[in-house]
Amino acid sequence: GSGDRLPALLAAISSEQLFDTFLQLLEPLGETCDVVVESSHDRRSEPESFTREGIERVLLESLLWDFEDLLLNDGCTGIAVMHPEAPVEVQLDEHKLLVTYSPDRVTFEWLLRRQGLKRNDSLRVISQGDHMHTSSSRYHRRFGDLVRRLHAE
C-alpha cells in the first residue's frame, strides 16, 4: 500500500572496513548471484551498466579483491549484487555507501551491527546534497578491465 516503507538499509562505514563489510553483506545472497557494475565516467550520458548473471559468489568475491582499489576509490564506479530469484540486493554505490534491499532486513542489520555500526536514523548522506564525483583515466581503464573479467554485457 501507500504506507509501505522501502525495505532498504543504508550504511556509511569507514574506508578501512568498507570492502570487508561489503563482502560480508554478500553472504546472504547464496552460492550464485547476479552482478551489475555501473560507470558514470562518461558524464555526457546516463551511467553505463554491465550485467553478469549466474556467477558463483566465491568467484565474484575473488575477482572483486583484484579491483578493491577501483571499488573503494573511484567516484564513478558502483556495483550491485543480487540474489538470482529473491528480491535481495547489496550495493556499493559510487558514493561508497552500502545499500541493502531485502524484505527481511534482520540478517543485514545483524551483519552491520557485527561490524560495529550503530543505527542512526537521522544520518544525512552525501548523495542528498551538492557534491562532485572524482575519477581518473586509470580508474576508467580499470573499470573496463573489471567488465571484461566479469564477462559482463
N, C-alpha and C. Protein backbone atom coordinates (compact mmCIF):
# COMPACT_ATOMS: atom_id res chain seq x y z
N GLY A 1 0.81 -1.19 0.00
CA GLY A 1 0.00 0.00 0.00
C GLY A 1 0.85 1.25 0.00
N SER A 2 0.18 2.41 0.06
CA SER A 2 0.90 3.67 0.00
C SER A 2 1.70 3.93 1.28
N GLY A 3 1.42 3.21 2.36
CA GLY A 3 2.15 3.40 3.60
C GLY A 3 3.37 2.50 3.72
N ASP A 4 3.61 1.66 2.70
CA ASP A 4 4.75 0.76 2.75
C ASP A 4 6.06 1.54 2.76
N ARG A 5 7.02 1.03 3.49
CA ARG A 5 8.35 1.64 3.51
C ARG A 5 9.28 0.77 2.67
N LEU A 6 10.19 1.42 1.97
CA LEU A 6 11.16 0.69 1.17
C LEU A 6 11.99 -0.20 2.08
N PRO A 7 12.09 -1.50 1.77
CA PRO A 7 12.85 -2.41 2.65
C PRO A 7 14.35 -2.28 2.41
N ALA A 8 14.90 -1.10 2.72
CA ALA A 8 16.31 -0.84 2.45
C ALA A 8 17.04 -0.44 3.72
N LEU A 9 18.32 -0.74 3.75
CA LEU A 9 19.23 -0.24 4.77
C LEU A 9 20.34 0.48 4.05
N LEU A 10 20.74 1.62 4.56
CA LEU A 10 21.85 2.37 4.01
C LEU A 10 22.89 2.53 5.10
N ALA A 11 24.14 2.21 4.78
CA ALA A 11 25.19 2.28 5.79
C ALA A 11 26.38 3.06 5.26
N ALA A 12 26.89 3.92 6.10
CA ALA A 12 28.15 4.62 5.84
C ALA A 12 29.16 4.06 6.83
N ILE A 13 30.32 3.66 6.32
CA ILE A 13 31.30 2.98 7.16
C ILE A 13 32.69 3.46 6.75
N SER A 14 33.63 3.38 7.67
CA SER A 14 34.99 3.86 7.39
C SER A 14 35.60 3.10 6.22
N SER A 15 36.49 3.78 5.51
CA SER A 15 37.11 3.15 4.34
C SER A 15 37.88 1.89 4.74
N GLU A 16 38.41 1.85 5.96
CA GLU A 16 39.15 0.68 6.42
C GLU A 16 38.26 -0.56 6.52
N GLN A 17 36.99 -0.38 6.81
CA GLN A 17 36.06 -1.50 6.99
C GLN A 17 35.15 -1.72 5.80
N LEU A 18 35.15 -0.80 4.84
CA LEU A 18 34.13 -0.80 3.79
C LEU A 18 34.16 -2.06 2.94
N PHE A 19 35.30 -2.43 2.42
CA PHE A 19 35.36 -3.56 1.49
C PHE A 19 35.00 -4.87 2.19
N ASP A 20 35.57 -5.09 3.37
CA ASP A 20 35.28 -6.30 4.13
C ASP A 20 33.79 -6.39 4.48
N THR A 21 33.21 -5.26 4.86
CA THR A 21 31.79 -5.25 5.20
C THR A 21 30.95 -5.55 3.97
N PHE A 22 31.31 -4.94 2.83
CA PHE A 22 30.59 -5.22 1.58
C PHE A 22 30.61 -6.72 1.29
N LEU A 23 31.77 -7.35 1.38
CA LEU A 23 31.86 -8.79 1.09
C LEU A 23 31.03 -9.60 2.08
N GLN A 24 31.02 -9.21 3.36
CA GLN A 24 30.21 -9.93 4.34
C GLN A 24 28.72 -9.83 4.02
N LEU A 25 28.30 -8.67 3.50
CA LEU A 25 26.89 -8.49 3.17
C LEU A 25 26.46 -9.34 1.98
N LEU A 26 27.43 -9.85 1.21
CA LEU A 26 27.09 -10.70 0.06
C LEU A 26 26.73 -12.12 0.48
N GLU A 27 27.17 -12.54 1.67
CA GLU A 27 26.95 -13.92 2.10
C GLU A 27 25.48 -14.37 2.05
N PRO A 28 24.51 -13.54 2.49
CA PRO A 28 23.12 -13.98 2.45
C PRO A 28 22.56 -14.15 1.04
N LEU A 29 23.30 -13.74 0.01
CA LEU A 29 22.80 -13.85 -1.36
C LEU A 29 22.90 -15.27 -1.91
N GLY A 30 23.59 -16.15 -1.20
CA GLY A 30 23.66 -17.54 -1.63
C GLY A 30 24.91 -17.84 -2.44
N GLU A 31 24.92 -19.03 -3.03
CA GLU A 31 26.11 -19.52 -3.74
C GLU A 31 26.31 -18.87 -5.10
N THR A 32 25.22 -18.50 -5.75
CA THR A 32 25.26 -17.91 -7.08
C THR A 32 24.51 -16.60 -7.06
N CYS A 33 25.01 -15.60 -7.78
CA CYS A 33 24.33 -14.31 -7.78
C CYS A 33 24.47 -13.63 -9.14
N ASP A 34 23.76 -12.55 -9.30
CA ASP A 34 23.83 -11.71 -10.49
C ASP A 34 24.52 -10.41 -10.08
N VAL A 35 25.25 -9.80 -11.02
CA VAL A 35 26.04 -8.61 -10.73
C VAL A 35 25.77 -7.55 -11.79
N VAL A 36 25.66 -6.30 -11.34
CA VAL A 36 25.61 -5.16 -12.25
C VAL A 36 26.69 -4.19 -11.80
N VAL A 37 27.59 -3.82 -12.72
CA VAL A 37 28.57 -2.77 -12.44
C VAL A 37 28.17 -1.56 -13.26
N GLU A 38 28.33 -0.39 -12.65
CA GLU A 38 27.86 0.84 -13.29
C GLU A 38 28.97 1.88 -13.32
N SER A 39 29.03 2.61 -14.42
CA SER A 39 30.05 3.64 -14.61
C SER A 39 29.40 4.94 -15.04
N SER A 40 29.81 6.03 -14.38
CA SER A 40 29.41 7.37 -14.83
C SER A 40 30.64 8.15 -15.29
N HIS A 41 31.65 7.41 -15.81
CA HIS A 41 32.87 8.07 -16.27
C HIS A 41 32.59 9.00 -17.44
N ASP A 42 31.64 8.63 -18.31
CA ASP A 42 31.27 9.48 -19.44
C ASP A 42 30.13 10.38 -18.98
N ARG A 43 30.46 11.58 -18.57
CA ARG A 43 29.48 12.49 -17.95
C ARG A 43 28.43 13.01 -18.93
N ARG A 44 28.61 12.77 -20.22
CA ARG A 44 27.66 13.30 -21.20
C ARG A 44 26.43 12.43 -21.33
N SER A 45 26.41 11.29 -20.68
CA SER A 45 25.28 10.38 -20.87
C SER A 45 24.86 9.79 -19.52
N GLU A 46 23.80 9.01 -19.58
CA GLU A 46 23.37 8.27 -18.40
C GLU A 46 24.46 7.27 -18.02
N PRO A 47 24.51 6.85 -16.75
CA PRO A 47 25.51 5.85 -16.37
C PRO A 47 25.38 4.58 -17.23
N GLU A 48 26.51 4.00 -17.58
CA GLU A 48 26.53 2.75 -18.32
C GLU A 48 26.48 1.61 -17.32
N SER A 49 25.71 0.58 -17.62
CA SER A 49 25.69 -0.57 -16.72
C SER A 49 25.95 -1.84 -17.50
N PHE A 50 26.62 -2.77 -16.83
CA PHE A 50 27.01 -4.04 -17.42
C PHE A 50 26.60 -5.13 -16.46
N THR A 51 25.98 -6.19 -16.98
CA THR A 51 25.39 -7.24 -16.16
C THR A 51 26.05 -8.59 -16.41
N ARG A 52 26.25 -9.32 -15.33
CA ARG A 52 26.68 -10.72 -15.42
C ARG A 52 25.72 -11.51 -14.55
N GLU A 53 25.03 -12.44 -15.18
CA GLU A 53 24.09 -13.28 -14.44
C GLU A 53 24.74 -14.62 -14.11
N GLY A 54 24.37 -15.16 -12.96
CA GLY A 54 24.77 -16.51 -12.60
C GLY A 54 26.25 -16.71 -12.37
N ILE A 55 26.87 -15.86 -11.58
CA ILE A 55 28.27 -16.04 -11.23
C ILE A 55 28.35 -16.61 -9.81
N GLU A 56 29.26 -17.56 -9.62
CA GLU A 56 29.44 -18.10 -8.27
C GLU A 56 29.95 -16.99 -7.36
N ARG A 57 29.35 -16.90 -6.17
CA ARG A 57 29.70 -15.81 -5.25
C ARG A 57 31.18 -15.85 -4.86
N VAL A 58 31.75 -17.04 -4.63
CA VAL A 58 33.17 -17.10 -4.25
C VAL A 58 34.06 -16.64 -5.39
N LEU A 59 33.69 -16.94 -6.62
CA LEU A 59 34.43 -16.46 -7.78
C LEU A 59 34.33 -14.94 -7.90
N LEU A 60 33.13 -14.42 -7.70
CA LEU A 60 32.93 -12.97 -7.73
C LEU A 60 33.77 -12.28 -6.66
N GLU A 61 33.74 -12.80 -5.43
CA GLU A 61 34.50 -12.19 -4.34
C GLU A 61 35.99 -12.19 -4.65
N SER A 62 36.49 -13.28 -5.20
CA SER A 62 37.90 -13.36 -5.57
C SER A 62 38.23 -12.31 -6.63
N LEU A 63 37.38 -12.16 -7.61
CA LEU A 63 37.57 -11.16 -8.66
C LEU A 63 37.54 -9.75 -8.08
N LEU A 64 36.60 -9.50 -7.17
CA LEU A 64 36.47 -8.15 -6.60
C LEU A 64 37.70 -7.75 -5.80
N TRP A 65 38.39 -8.71 -5.17
CA TRP A 65 39.62 -8.38 -4.46
C TRP A 65 40.63 -7.74 -5.41
N ASP A 66 40.65 -8.20 -6.68
CA ASP A 66 41.57 -7.62 -7.67
C ASP A 66 41.21 -6.18 -8.02
N PHE A 67 39.98 -5.78 -7.71
CA PHE A 67 39.50 -4.45 -8.07
C PHE A 67 39.11 -3.63 -6.84
N GLU A 68 39.64 -4.01 -5.67
CA GLU A 68 39.32 -3.32 -4.43
C GLU A 68 39.60 -1.82 -4.53
N ASP A 69 40.75 -1.44 -5.07
CA ASP A 69 41.13 -0.03 -5.19
C ASP A 69 40.09 0.75 -6.02
N LEU A 70 39.69 0.18 -7.15
CA LEU A 70 38.67 0.81 -8.00
C LEU A 70 37.36 0.98 -7.25
N LEU A 71 36.88 -0.10 -6.63
CA LEU A 71 35.58 -0.06 -5.96
C LEU A 71 35.56 0.90 -4.78
N LEU A 72 36.69 1.03 -4.08
CA LEU A 72 36.73 1.88 -2.89
C LEU A 72 37.03 3.35 -3.20
N ASN A 73 37.71 3.63 -4.30
CA ASN A 73 38.23 4.98 -4.50
C ASN A 73 37.73 5.71 -5.73
N ASP A 74 37.07 5.01 -6.65
CA ASP A 74 36.60 5.67 -7.86
C ASP A 74 35.18 6.19 -7.66
N GLY A 75 35.02 7.50 -7.77
CA GLY A 75 33.71 8.12 -7.57
C GLY A 75 32.76 7.96 -8.73
N CYS A 76 33.14 7.19 -9.74
CA CYS A 76 32.27 6.96 -10.89
C CYS A 76 31.93 5.49 -11.08
N THR A 77 32.30 4.64 -10.11
CA THR A 77 32.04 3.20 -10.21
C THR A 77 31.14 2.76 -9.07
N GLY A 78 30.13 1.97 -9.41
CA GLY A 78 29.25 1.36 -8.43
C GLY A 78 29.00 -0.09 -8.80
N ILE A 79 28.59 -0.88 -7.82
CA ILE A 79 28.31 -2.29 -8.07
C ILE A 79 27.07 -2.69 -7.27
N ALA A 80 26.26 -3.55 -7.88
CA ALA A 80 25.11 -4.13 -7.21
C ALA A 80 25.17 -5.64 -7.42
N VAL A 81 24.93 -6.39 -6.34
CA VAL A 81 24.93 -7.84 -6.40
C VAL A 81 23.56 -8.30 -5.94
N MET A 82 22.92 -9.15 -6.76
CA MET A 82 21.55 -9.56 -6.49
C MET A 82 21.43 -11.07 -6.34
N HIS A 83 20.47 -11.48 -5.52
CA HIS A 83 20.07 -12.88 -5.48
C HIS A 83 19.39 -13.17 -6.80
N PRO A 84 19.64 -14.34 -7.43
CA PRO A 84 19.07 -14.60 -8.75
C PRO A 84 17.55 -14.74 -8.77
N GLU A 85 16.92 -15.06 -7.65
CA GLU A 85 15.46 -15.23 -7.64
C GLU A 85 14.75 -14.34 -6.64
N ALA A 86 15.30 -14.22 -5.44
CA ALA A 86 14.64 -13.44 -4.39
C ALA A 86 14.92 -11.95 -4.58
N PRO A 87 14.03 -11.08 -4.10
CA PRO A 87 14.25 -9.62 -4.22
C PRO A 87 15.23 -9.12 -3.16
N VAL A 88 16.49 -9.56 -3.26
CA VAL A 88 17.52 -9.19 -2.30
C VAL A 88 18.72 -8.66 -3.09
N GLU A 89 19.21 -7.49 -2.67
CA GLU A 89 20.28 -6.82 -3.40
C GLU A 89 21.21 -6.10 -2.43
N VAL A 90 22.50 -6.10 -2.75
CA VAL A 90 23.50 -5.36 -1.98
C VAL A 90 24.25 -4.47 -2.96
N GLN A 91 24.33 -3.19 -2.62
CA GLN A 91 25.04 -2.23 -3.48
C GLN A 91 26.19 -1.59 -2.73
N LEU A 92 27.26 -1.34 -3.47
CA LEU A 92 28.31 -0.42 -3.05
C LEU A 92 28.27 0.66 -4.12
N ASP A 93 27.64 1.78 -3.81
CA ASP A 93 27.38 2.77 -4.85
C ASP A 93 28.57 3.68 -5.08
N GLU A 94 28.44 4.57 -6.06
CA GLU A 94 29.58 5.44 -6.40
C GLU A 94 29.90 6.44 -5.30
N HIS A 95 28.99 6.61 -4.33
CA HIS A 95 29.25 7.47 -3.17
C HIS A 95 29.96 6.70 -2.05
N LYS A 96 30.17 5.41 -2.28
CA LYS A 96 30.81 4.50 -1.32
C LYS A 96 29.94 4.25 -0.10
N LEU A 97 28.63 4.27 -0.36
CA LEU A 97 27.64 3.89 0.65
C LEU A 97 27.23 2.45 0.39
N LEU A 98 26.95 1.73 1.45
CA LEU A 98 26.42 0.38 1.33
C LEU A 98 24.90 0.45 1.43
N VAL A 99 24.22 -0.18 0.48
CA VAL A 99 22.76 -0.19 0.48
C VAL A 99 22.31 -1.63 0.31
N THR A 100 21.41 -2.07 1.18
CA THR A 100 20.82 -3.40 1.01
C THR A 100 19.32 -3.24 0.83
N TYR A 101 18.78 -4.06 -0.05
CA TYR A 101 17.34 -4.14 -0.27
C TYR A 101 16.93 -5.57 0.00
N SER A 102 15.97 -5.75 0.90
CA SER A 102 15.51 -7.08 1.23
C SER A 102 14.22 -6.98 2.03
N PRO A 103 13.25 -7.83 1.73
CA PRO A 103 12.03 -7.83 2.55
C PRO A 103 12.33 -8.16 4.01
N ASP A 104 13.40 -8.93 4.24
CA ASP A 104 13.81 -9.29 5.59
C ASP A 104 15.17 -8.66 5.88
N ARG A 105 15.15 -7.54 6.59
CA ARG A 105 16.38 -6.79 6.84
C ARG A 105 17.17 -7.30 8.05
N VAL A 106 16.60 -8.22 8.81
CA VAL A 106 17.20 -8.64 10.08
C VAL A 106 18.62 -9.15 9.90
N THR A 107 18.84 -10.01 8.90
CA THR A 107 20.17 -10.57 8.67
C THR A 107 21.18 -9.46 8.38
N PHE A 108 20.79 -8.50 7.53
CA PHE A 108 21.70 -7.41 7.18
C PHE A 108 21.94 -6.48 8.37
N GLU A 109 20.90 -6.23 9.17
CA GLU A 109 21.08 -5.42 10.38
C GLU A 109 22.07 -6.09 11.32
N TRP A 110 21.95 -7.41 11.46
CA TRP A 110 22.85 -8.16 12.33
C TRP A 110 24.29 -8.08 11.82
N LEU A 111 24.49 -8.26 10.50
CA LEU A 111 25.84 -8.19 9.92
C LEU A 111 26.46 -6.80 10.12
N LEU A 112 25.67 -5.76 9.97
CA LEU A 112 26.18 -4.39 10.16
C LEU A 112 26.51 -4.13 11.63
N ARG A 113 25.64 -4.61 12.54
CA ARG A 113 25.94 -4.46 13.97
C ARG A 113 27.23 -5.19 14.33
N ARG A 114 27.43 -6.38 13.74
CA ARG A 114 28.64 -7.16 13.99
C ARG A 114 29.89 -6.38 13.56
N GLN A 115 29.75 -5.50 12.58
CA GLN A 115 30.85 -4.65 12.13
C GLN A 115 31.02 -3.41 13.01
N GLY A 116 30.18 -3.29 14.04
CA GLY A 116 30.31 -2.17 14.97
C GLY A 116 29.49 -0.95 14.58
N LEU A 117 28.60 -1.10 13.60
CA LEU A 117 27.77 0.03 13.18
C LEU A 117 26.56 0.16 14.08
N LYS A 118 26.29 1.39 14.48
CA LYS A 118 25.11 1.67 15.28
C LYS A 118 24.08 2.37 14.40
N ARG A 119 22.84 2.02 14.60
CA ARG A 119 21.77 2.61 13.81
C ARG A 119 21.64 4.09 14.10
N ASN A 120 21.48 4.90 13.03
CA ASN A 120 21.30 6.35 13.17
C ASN A 120 20.32 6.81 12.10
N ASP A 121 19.05 6.92 12.48
CA ASP A 121 18.01 7.27 11.51
C ASP A 121 18.08 8.73 11.07
N SER A 122 18.88 9.55 11.75
CA SER A 122 18.97 10.96 11.35
C SER A 122 20.20 11.24 10.48
N LEU A 123 20.94 10.19 10.11
CA LEU A 123 22.14 10.36 9.30
C LEU A 123 21.79 10.94 7.93
N ARG A 124 22.45 12.06 7.59
CA ARG A 124 22.31 12.62 6.24
C ARG A 124 23.45 12.08 5.40
N VAL A 125 23.13 11.66 4.18
CA VAL A 125 24.16 11.08 3.33
C VAL A 125 24.52 12.04 2.21
N ILE A 126 25.74 11.93 1.72
CA ILE A 126 26.29 12.89 0.77
C ILE A 126 25.47 12.98 -0.52
N SER A 127 24.85 11.89 -0.93
CA SER A 127 24.10 11.90 -2.18
C SER A 127 22.88 12.82 -2.11
N GLN A 128 22.52 13.27 -0.91
CA GLN A 128 21.37 14.16 -0.76
C GLN A 128 21.74 15.62 -0.94
N GLY A 129 23.02 15.95 -0.98
CA GLY A 129 23.44 17.35 -1.11
C GLY A 129 24.28 17.56 -2.36
N ASP A 130 24.67 18.81 -2.59
CA ASP A 130 25.54 19.10 -3.71
C ASP A 130 26.87 18.42 -3.50
N HIS A 131 27.36 17.77 -4.55
CA HIS A 131 28.64 17.06 -4.45
C HIS A 131 29.18 16.78 -5.84
N MET A 132 30.45 16.41 -5.89
CA MET A 132 31.09 16.07 -7.15
C MET A 132 31.60 14.63 -7.08
N HIS A 133 31.79 14.04 -8.25
CA HIS A 133 32.35 12.70 -8.34
C HIS A 133 33.74 12.80 -8.97
N THR A 134 34.73 12.19 -8.34
CA THR A 134 36.08 12.25 -8.87
C THR A 134 36.51 10.89 -9.39
N SER A 135 37.31 10.92 -10.43
CA SER A 135 37.82 9.71 -11.03
C SER A 135 39.12 10.05 -11.74
N SER A 136 39.61 9.11 -12.53
CA SER A 136 40.82 9.33 -13.31
C SER A 136 40.76 8.42 -14.53
N SER A 137 41.62 8.69 -15.50
CA SER A 137 41.65 7.83 -16.69
C SER A 137 42.09 6.41 -16.30
N ARG A 138 42.95 6.30 -15.27
CA ARG A 138 43.37 4.97 -14.82
C ARG A 138 42.16 4.18 -14.29
N TYR A 139 41.32 4.83 -13.48
CA TYR A 139 40.14 4.14 -12.96
C TYR A 139 39.17 3.81 -14.09
N HIS A 140 39.06 4.67 -15.09
CA HIS A 140 38.19 4.39 -16.23
C HIS A 140 38.67 3.13 -16.94
N ARG A 141 39.98 3.00 -17.14
CA ARG A 141 40.55 1.80 -17.76
C ARG A 141 40.33 0.58 -16.88
N ARG A 142 40.51 0.73 -15.57
CA ARG A 142 40.30 -0.39 -14.64
C ARG A 142 38.85 -0.86 -14.65
N PHE A 143 37.92 0.10 -14.82
CA PHE A 143 36.52 -0.29 -14.92
C PHE A 143 36.31 -1.19 -16.13
N GLY A 144 36.92 -0.82 -17.26
CA GLY A 144 36.85 -1.67 -18.46
C GLY A 144 37.42 -3.05 -18.21
N ASP A 145 38.52 -3.11 -17.45
CA ASP A 145 39.12 -4.40 -17.09
C ASP A 145 38.14 -5.22 -16.25
N LEU A 146 37.47 -4.58 -15.31
CA LEU A 146 36.50 -5.28 -14.46
C LEU A 146 35.37 -5.86 -15.31
N VAL A 147 34.83 -5.06 -16.23
CA VAL A 147 33.75 -5.53 -17.10
C VAL A 147 34.21 -6.76 -17.91
N ARG A 148 35.40 -6.69 -18.46
CA ARG A 148 35.93 -7.82 -19.24
C ARG A 148 36.13 -9.06 -18.37
N ARG A 149 36.71 -8.89 -17.19
CA ARG A 149 36.96 -10.05 -16.32
C ARG A 149 35.66 -10.67 -15.80
N LEU A 150 34.62 -9.84 -15.65
CA LEU A 150 33.30 -10.35 -15.23
C LEU A 150 32.57 -11.04 -16.38
N HIS A 151 33.03 -10.81 -17.60
CA HIS A 151 32.29 -11.26 -18.79
C HIS A 151 30.88 -10.67 -18.76
N ALA A 152 30.82 -9.39 -18.43
CA ALA A 152 29.53 -8.70 -18.29
C ALA A 152 29.11 -8.11 -19.64
N GLU A 153 27.80 -7.99 -19.84
CA GLU A 153 27.27 -7.44 -21.10
C GLU A 153 26.42 -6.23 -20.82
